[in-house]
Amino acid sequence: LEKWSPQSALGQLQARLDASEAESEVQIEQFLAQDLPLESFLESFCQSRTRSHICRTQLEKLQELLQK
């Protein structure tokens, strides 16, 4: 098991945020190429953006706490 540290938590949150942002980009490209139906796009894109928002908020809050 990896020892927990604030830096490892920040790294994991950043990795999740990056992955979610990349997933959103792929979904947009698939939709624009008409490879993804509207209903499927809206559902998956909203889920990806929600995950991105949560990760970004957690990352910012942890950074804020570590600066204190």
Protein backbone atom coordinates (compact mmCIF):
# COMPACT_ATOMS: atom_id res chain seq x y z
CA LEU A 1 0.00 0.00 0.00
CA GLU A 2 1.15 3.48 -0.86
CA LYS A 3 1.56 5.70 2.17
CA TRP A 4 -1.01 8.50 2.17
CA SER A 5 0.25 12.02 1.84
CA PRO A 6 -1.33 15.31 0.79
CA GLN A 7 0.88 15.28 -2.32
CA SER A 8 -0.29 11.80 -3.34
CA ALA A 9 -3.91 12.89 -2.82
CA LEU A 10 -3.33 15.98 -4.97
CA GLY A 11 -1.72 13.84 -7.66
CA GLN A 12 -4.61 11.38 -7.69
CA LEU A 13 -7.21 14.15 -7.85
CA GLN A 14 -5.30 15.83 -10.70
CA ALA A 15 -5.08 12.51 -12.58
CA ARG A 16 -8.83 11.95 -12.17
CA LEU A 17 -9.55 15.48 -13.33
CA ASP A 18 -7.30 15.07 -16.39
CA ALA A 19 -8.94 11.74 -17.26
CA SER A 20 -12.43 13.19 -16.94
CA GLU A 21 -11.51 16.20 -19.09
CA ALA A 22 -10.06 13.88 -21.75
CA GLU A 23 -13.20 11.73 -21.64
CA SER A 24 -15.37 14.82 -22.23
CA GLU A 25 -13.25 15.79 -25.24
CA VAL A 26 -13.65 12.31 -26.77
CA GLN A 27 -17.42 12.47 -26.24
CA ILE A 28 -17.61 15.86 -27.98
CA GLU A 29 -15.56 14.55 -30.91
CA GLN A 30 -17.76 11.45 -31.20
CA PHE A 31 -20.93 13.56 -31.11
CA LEU A 32 -19.63 16.02 -33.71
CA ALA A 33 -18.62 13.11 -35.95
CA GLN A 34 -22.18 11.80 -35.50
CA ASP A 35 -20.83 8.60 -33.90
CA LEU A 36 -22.80 9.23 -30.71
CA PRO A 37 -26.58 9.83 -30.64
CA LEU A 38 -27.79 12.99 -28.90
CA GLU A 39 -29.39 11.22 -25.92
CA SER A 40 -26.27 9.11 -25.29
CA PHE A 41 -24.05 12.16 -25.65
CA LEU A 42 -26.08 14.26 -23.21
CA GLU A 43 -26.13 11.52 -20.58
CA SER A 44 -22.43 10.62 -20.79
CA PHE A 45 -21.24 14.21 -21.22
CA CYS A 46 -23.19 15.41 -18.17
CA GLN A 47 -21.71 12.58 -16.09
CA SER A 48 -18.18 13.43 -17.26
CA ARG A 49 -18.63 17.13 -16.56
CA THR A 50 -20.07 16.39 -13.11
CA ARG A 51 -17.03 14.22 -12.30
CA SER A 52 -14.72 16.96 -13.57
CA HIS A 53 -16.44 19.59 -11.45
CA ILE A 54 -16.29 17.43 -8.30
CA CYS A 55 -12.60 16.61 -8.85
CA ARG A 56 -11.72 20.24 -9.55
CA THR A 57 -13.56 21.40 -6.41
CA GLN A 58 -11.86 18.75 -4.25
CA LEU A 59 -8.46 19.60 -5.73
CA GLU A 60 -8.91 23.33 -5.13
CA LYS A 61 -10.15 22.75 -1.56
CA LEU A 62 -7.22 20.46 -0.71
CA GLN A 63 -4.74 22.98 -2.20
CA GLU A 64 -6.38 25.72 -0.15
CA LEU A 65 -6.12 23.65 3.06
CA LEU A 66 -2.48 22.83 2.40
CA GLN A 67 -1.60 26.50 1.97
CA LYS A 68 -2.83 27.33 5.47
